[in-house]
Amino acid sequence: GLVGSEMCIETDISGAPLQTLFDEISDGNPVIVWSTSKWGTPTTYSSIRLNDNTVFNWPSNEHCVVLTGFNLEKNTVFIADPLSDIVERDLTEFAATYSAYYRQAVVIK
């Protein structure tokens, strides 16, 4: 895609450990992550049968946010959340949510 007059490249980095996300943020690259729309509530799943007859457990309350920063000393991350503005979240809770939503992430370079 284009931002201003610069070309942006979106790269799927799903499955990446948190450190990879933090490295991208440190390099100035925002990272889109799948998370929950209701922070602080447990993730629930809906079972969906796929065409090959396997069952996939889809997490409810799915929502995307942009990881914009982190502070390891305070154990927090900063996210741009279209439902809440730019917010600071507990890193441990963020990590659990990132895992619950199958560690889905896209970096914008």
N, C-alpha and C. Protein backbone atom coordinates (compact mmCIF):
# COMPACT_ATOMS: atom_id res chain seq x y z
N GLY A 1 0.81 -1.18 0.00
CA GLY A 1 0.00 0.00 0.00
C GLY A 1 0.85 1.24 0.00
N LEU A 2 0.24 2.38 -0.17
CA LEU A 2 0.94 3.66 -0.15
C LEU A 2 0.57 4.46 1.08
N VAL A 3 1.54 5.07 1.70
CA VAL A 3 1.33 6.04 2.76
C VAL A 3 2.03 7.30 2.30
N GLY A 4 1.24 8.37 2.05
CA GLY A 4 1.84 9.57 1.46
C GLY A 4 2.37 9.20 0.10
N SER A 5 3.64 9.47 -0.13
CA SER A 5 4.25 9.10 -1.41
C SER A 5 5.17 7.89 -1.26
N GLU A 6 5.17 7.27 -0.07
CA GLU A 6 6.07 6.14 0.17
C GLU A 6 5.32 4.82 0.03
N MET A 7 6.00 3.83 -0.48
CA MET A 7 5.44 2.50 -0.61
C MET A 7 5.59 1.78 0.72
N CYS A 8 4.51 1.15 1.18
CA CYS A 8 4.54 0.35 2.40
C CYS A 8 4.42 -1.11 2.02
N ILE A 9 5.10 -1.94 2.79
CA ILE A 9 5.03 -3.37 2.58
C ILE A 9 4.46 -3.99 3.85
N GLU A 10 3.40 -4.78 3.68
CA GLU A 10 2.80 -5.49 4.80
C GLU A 10 3.34 -6.91 4.78
N THR A 11 3.84 -7.36 5.92
CA THR A 11 4.42 -8.70 6.00
C THR A 11 3.77 -9.47 7.13
N ASP A 12 3.26 -10.65 6.82
CA ASP A 12 2.66 -11.52 7.82
C ASP A 12 3.77 -12.09 8.70
N ILE A 13 3.74 -11.77 9.98
CA ILE A 13 4.72 -12.32 10.92
C ILE A 13 4.01 -13.14 11.99
N SER A 14 2.85 -13.68 11.63
CA SER A 14 2.09 -14.50 12.58
C SER A 14 2.97 -15.61 13.15
N GLY A 15 2.78 -15.86 14.42
CA GLY A 15 3.57 -16.87 15.12
C GLY A 15 4.84 -16.34 15.73
N ALA A 16 5.18 -15.10 15.42
CA ALA A 16 6.43 -14.51 15.92
C ALA A 16 6.37 -14.34 17.45
N PRO A 17 7.51 -14.54 18.12
CA PRO A 17 7.55 -14.26 19.55
C PRO A 17 7.43 -12.76 19.80
N LEU A 18 7.06 -12.40 21.02
CA LEU A 18 6.90 -10.99 21.36
C LEU A 18 8.16 -10.19 21.07
N GLN A 19 9.33 -10.77 21.28
CA GLN A 19 10.57 -10.03 21.03
C GLN A 19 10.66 -9.56 19.59
N THR A 20 10.19 -10.37 18.65
CA THR A 20 10.19 -9.97 17.24
C THR A 20 9.30 -8.75 17.05
N LEU A 21 8.14 -8.74 17.69
CA LEU A 21 7.24 -7.59 17.61
C LEU A 21 7.93 -6.36 18.18
N PHE A 22 8.60 -6.52 19.32
CA PHE A 22 9.30 -5.40 19.95
C PHE A 22 10.45 -4.90 19.07
N ASP A 23 11.15 -5.82 18.41
CA ASP A 23 12.23 -5.42 17.50
C ASP A 23 11.68 -4.58 16.35
N GLU A 24 10.53 -4.97 15.80
CA GLU A 24 9.91 -4.21 14.72
C GLU A 24 9.50 -2.82 15.21
N ILE A 25 8.93 -2.75 16.40
CA ILE A 25 8.54 -1.46 16.97
C ILE A 25 9.78 -0.58 17.16
N SER A 26 10.86 -1.18 17.66
CA SER A 26 12.11 -0.43 17.86
C SER A 26 12.67 0.10 16.56
N ASP A 27 12.40 -0.60 15.44
CA ASP A 27 12.84 -0.16 14.12
C ASP A 27 11.87 0.85 13.49
N GLY A 28 10.82 1.21 14.23
CA GLY A 28 9.86 2.20 13.73
C GLY A 28 8.74 1.62 12.89
N ASN A 29 8.56 0.31 12.94
CA ASN A 29 7.53 -0.34 12.15
C ASN A 29 6.34 -0.72 13.02
N PRO A 30 5.17 -0.16 12.76
CA PRO A 30 4.00 -0.55 13.55
C PRO A 30 3.61 -2.00 13.25
N VAL A 31 3.02 -2.64 14.23
CA VAL A 31 2.63 -4.03 14.10
C VAL A 31 1.14 -4.17 14.43
N ILE A 32 0.39 -4.70 13.49
CA ILE A 32 -1.03 -4.98 13.71
C ILE A 32 -1.12 -6.35 14.35
N VAL A 33 -1.85 -6.45 15.45
CA VAL A 33 -2.04 -7.74 16.11
C VAL A 33 -3.53 -7.99 16.34
N TRP A 34 -3.88 -9.24 16.31
CA TRP A 34 -5.25 -9.63 16.63
C TRP A 34 -5.35 -9.78 18.13
N SER A 35 -6.40 -9.23 18.68
CA SER A 35 -6.59 -9.27 20.13
C SER A 35 -8.08 -9.30 20.43
N THR A 36 -8.42 -8.92 21.62
CA THR A 36 -9.81 -8.93 22.05
C THR A 36 -10.37 -7.52 22.12
N SER A 37 -11.65 -7.41 21.89
CA SER A 37 -12.31 -6.11 22.02
C SER A 37 -12.69 -5.82 23.45
N LYS A 38 -12.61 -6.83 24.31
CA LYS A 38 -13.02 -6.67 25.71
C LYS A 38 -11.88 -7.09 26.62
N TRP A 39 -10.95 -6.15 26.85
CA TRP A 39 -9.80 -6.46 27.70
C TRP A 39 -10.27 -6.86 29.09
N GLY A 40 -9.58 -7.84 29.64
CA GLY A 40 -9.89 -8.27 31.00
C GLY A 40 -10.92 -9.38 31.07
N THR A 41 -11.49 -9.78 29.93
CA THR A 41 -12.44 -10.88 29.94
C THR A 41 -11.78 -12.10 29.32
N PRO A 42 -12.15 -13.28 29.78
CA PRO A 42 -11.54 -14.49 29.21
C PRO A 42 -11.91 -14.66 27.74
N THR A 43 -10.99 -15.22 26.99
CA THR A 43 -11.25 -15.51 25.58
C THR A 43 -12.08 -16.78 25.50
N THR A 44 -13.16 -16.72 24.74
CA THR A 44 -13.97 -17.91 24.50
C THR A 44 -13.85 -18.26 23.02
N TYR A 45 -14.16 -19.48 22.69
CA TYR A 45 -13.98 -19.95 21.32
C TYR A 45 -15.28 -20.54 20.77
N SER A 46 -15.46 -20.38 19.48
CA SER A 46 -16.55 -21.02 18.76
C SER A 46 -15.94 -22.05 17.83
N SER A 47 -16.48 -23.25 17.86
CA SER A 47 -15.97 -24.32 17.00
C SER A 47 -16.57 -24.19 15.61
N ILE A 48 -15.69 -24.20 14.61
CA ILE A 48 -16.11 -24.09 13.21
C ILE A 48 -15.55 -25.30 12.46
N ARG A 49 -16.40 -26.00 11.73
CA ARG A 49 -15.94 -27.14 10.93
C ARG A 49 -15.49 -26.62 9.57
N LEU A 50 -14.24 -26.90 9.22
CA LEU A 50 -13.67 -26.46 7.96
C LEU A 50 -14.02 -27.43 6.83
N ASN A 51 -13.75 -27.02 5.59
CA ASN A 51 -14.06 -27.85 4.43
C ASN A 51 -13.41 -29.23 4.47
N ASP A 52 -12.24 -29.33 5.09
CA ASP A 52 -11.57 -30.63 5.16
C ASP A 52 -12.05 -31.45 6.37
N ASN A 53 -13.12 -30.98 7.01
CA ASN A 53 -13.78 -31.64 8.13
C ASN A 53 -13.05 -31.51 9.46
N THR A 54 -11.97 -30.73 9.51
CA THR A 54 -11.32 -30.46 10.79
C THR A 54 -12.09 -29.36 11.50
N VAL A 55 -11.91 -29.30 12.81
CA VAL A 55 -12.58 -28.28 13.61
C VAL A 55 -11.56 -27.23 14.02
N PHE A 56 -11.91 -25.97 13.75
CA PHE A 56 -11.06 -24.84 14.15
C PHE A 56 -11.80 -24.09 15.25
N ASN A 57 -11.10 -23.78 16.33
CA ASN A 57 -11.70 -23.02 17.43
C ASN A 57 -11.40 -21.54 17.24
N TRP A 58 -12.41 -20.80 16.79
CA TRP A 58 -12.26 -19.38 16.48
C TRP A 58 -12.48 -18.56 17.75
N PRO A 59 -11.54 -17.69 18.12
CA PRO A 59 -11.72 -16.89 19.33
C PRO A 59 -12.80 -15.82 19.16
N SER A 60 -13.65 -15.72 20.16
CA SER A 60 -14.70 -14.70 20.15
C SER A 60 -14.11 -13.34 20.52
N ASN A 61 -14.87 -12.30 20.31
CA ASN A 61 -14.45 -10.92 20.62
C ASN A 61 -13.20 -10.52 19.85
N GLU A 62 -12.99 -11.09 18.67
CA GLU A 62 -11.81 -10.78 17.88
C GLU A 62 -11.79 -9.30 17.51
N HIS A 63 -10.59 -8.74 17.54
CA HIS A 63 -10.42 -7.31 17.31
C HIS A 63 -8.96 -7.07 16.92
N CYS A 64 -8.69 -6.10 16.09
CA CYS A 64 -7.31 -5.76 15.72
C CYS A 64 -6.91 -4.44 16.33
N VAL A 65 -5.66 -4.38 16.78
CA VAL A 65 -5.07 -3.17 17.33
C VAL A 65 -3.68 -3.02 16.72
N VAL A 66 -3.08 -1.86 16.92
CA VAL A 66 -1.72 -1.63 16.44
C VAL A 66 -0.80 -1.47 17.64
N LEU A 67 0.17 -2.35 17.73
CA LEU A 67 1.19 -2.26 18.78
C LEU A 67 2.14 -1.14 18.39
N THR A 68 2.26 -0.14 19.26
CA THR A 68 3.06 1.04 18.92
C THR A 68 4.27 1.24 19.83
N GLY A 69 4.30 0.56 20.98
CA GLY A 69 5.43 0.75 21.88
C GLY A 69 5.38 -0.23 23.04
N PHE A 70 6.44 -0.19 23.84
CA PHE A 70 6.53 -1.08 24.99
C PHE A 70 7.47 -0.47 26.02
N ASN A 71 7.28 -0.86 27.28
CA ASN A 71 8.16 -0.44 28.36
C ASN A 71 8.38 -1.67 29.24
N LEU A 72 9.50 -2.35 29.05
CA LEU A 72 9.75 -3.59 29.76
C LEU A 72 9.95 -3.35 31.26
N GLU A 73 10.46 -2.18 31.64
CA GLU A 73 10.64 -1.87 33.07
C GLU A 73 9.30 -1.77 33.78
N LYS A 74 8.30 -1.23 33.10
CA LYS A 74 6.96 -1.11 33.69
C LYS A 74 6.07 -2.30 33.34
N ASN A 75 6.58 -3.24 32.51
CA ASN A 75 5.81 -4.40 32.07
C ASN A 75 4.52 -3.97 31.35
N THR A 76 4.67 -3.01 30.43
CA THR A 76 3.50 -2.51 29.70
C THR A 76 3.79 -2.44 28.20
N VAL A 77 2.71 -2.39 27.44
CA VAL A 77 2.78 -2.13 26.00
C VAL A 77 1.82 -0.98 25.71
N PHE A 78 2.06 -0.31 24.59
CA PHE A 78 1.19 0.75 24.13
C PHE A 78 0.55 0.29 22.83
N ILE A 79 -0.76 0.44 22.77
CA ILE A 79 -1.47 0.03 21.57
C ILE A 79 -2.42 1.13 21.13
N ALA A 80 -2.56 1.25 19.83
CA ALA A 80 -3.58 2.12 19.24
C ALA A 80 -4.79 1.23 19.00
N ASP A 81 -5.84 1.49 19.77
CA ASP A 81 -7.04 0.67 19.73
C ASP A 81 -8.18 1.52 19.19
N PRO A 82 -8.76 1.14 18.05
CA PRO A 82 -9.84 1.96 17.50
C PRO A 82 -11.04 2.09 18.42
N LEU A 83 -11.16 1.22 19.41
CA LEU A 83 -12.27 1.31 20.37
C LEU A 83 -11.93 2.16 21.59
N SER A 84 -10.61 2.38 21.84
CA SER A 84 -10.21 3.03 23.09
C SER A 84 -9.19 4.14 22.95
N ASP A 85 -8.72 4.48 21.75
CA ASP A 85 -7.66 5.45 21.55
C ASP A 85 -6.31 4.77 21.79
N ILE A 86 -5.29 5.52 22.12
CA ILE A 86 -3.97 4.95 22.42
C ILE A 86 -3.95 4.66 23.91
N VAL A 87 -3.69 3.39 24.24
CA VAL A 87 -3.78 2.97 25.63
C VAL A 87 -2.54 2.19 26.03
N GLU A 88 -2.29 2.18 27.32
CA GLU A 88 -1.21 1.39 27.91
C GLU A 88 -1.85 0.15 28.52
N ARG A 89 -1.30 -1.02 28.21
CA ARG A 89 -1.84 -2.29 28.72
C ARG A 89 -0.72 -3.07 29.40
N ASP A 90 -1.11 -3.91 30.33
CA ASP A 90 -0.18 -4.79 31.02
C ASP A 90 0.43 -5.77 30.01
N LEU A 91 1.74 -5.89 30.01
CA LEU A 91 2.43 -6.76 29.06
C LEU A 91 2.05 -8.22 29.24
N THR A 92 1.91 -8.67 30.47
CA THR A 92 1.55 -10.07 30.72
C THR A 92 0.17 -10.38 30.14
N GLU A 93 -0.78 -9.47 30.34
CA GLU A 93 -2.12 -9.65 29.78
C GLU A 93 -2.08 -9.60 28.25
N PHE A 94 -1.30 -8.66 27.71
CA PHE A 94 -1.17 -8.56 26.26
C PHE A 94 -0.58 -9.85 25.69
N ALA A 95 0.46 -10.39 26.33
CA ALA A 95 1.09 -11.62 25.85
C ALA A 95 0.11 -12.79 25.86
N ALA A 96 -0.70 -12.89 26.90
CA ALA A 96 -1.69 -13.96 26.99
C ALA A 96 -2.74 -13.81 25.88
N THR A 97 -3.15 -12.58 25.64
CA THR A 97 -4.15 -12.33 24.60
C THR A 97 -3.55 -12.61 23.22
N TYR A 98 -2.33 -12.19 22.99
CA TYR A 98 -1.64 -12.46 21.73
C TYR A 98 -1.60 -13.96 21.46
N SER A 99 -1.28 -14.74 22.47
CA SER A 99 -1.25 -16.20 22.32
C SER A 99 -2.65 -16.78 22.10
N ALA A 100 -3.64 -16.27 22.83
CA ALA A 100 -5.01 -16.78 22.72
C ALA A 100 -5.58 -16.56 21.32
N TYR A 101 -5.10 -15.53 20.64
CA TYR A 101 -5.56 -15.22 19.29
C TYR A 101 -4.56 -15.72 18.25
N TYR A 102 -3.89 -16.81 18.59
CA TYR A 102 -3.02 -17.56 17.67
C TYR A 102 -1.82 -16.75 17.16
N ARG A 103 -1.37 -15.77 17.93
CA ARG A 103 -0.17 -14.99 17.61
C ARG A 103 -0.21 -14.45 16.18
N GLN A 104 -1.36 -13.90 15.80
CA GLN A 104 -1.52 -13.33 14.47
C GLN A 104 -0.98 -11.90 14.46
N ALA A 105 -0.11 -11.60 13.50
CA ALA A 105 0.49 -10.26 13.44
C ALA A 105 0.93 -9.94 12.01
N VAL A 106 0.84 -8.65 11.70
CA VAL A 106 1.31 -8.12 10.41
C VAL A 106 2.13 -6.88 10.70
N VAL A 107 3.33 -6.81 10.14
CA VAL A 107 4.18 -5.63 10.32
C VAL A 107 4.06 -4.75 9.07
N ILE A 108 4.06 -3.45 9.28
CA ILE A 108 3.99 -2.48 8.19
C ILE A 108 5.37 -1.82 8.09
N LYS A 109 6.01 -1.98 6.92
CA LYS A 109 7.35 -1.38 6.72
C LYS A 109 7.29 -0.40 5.58
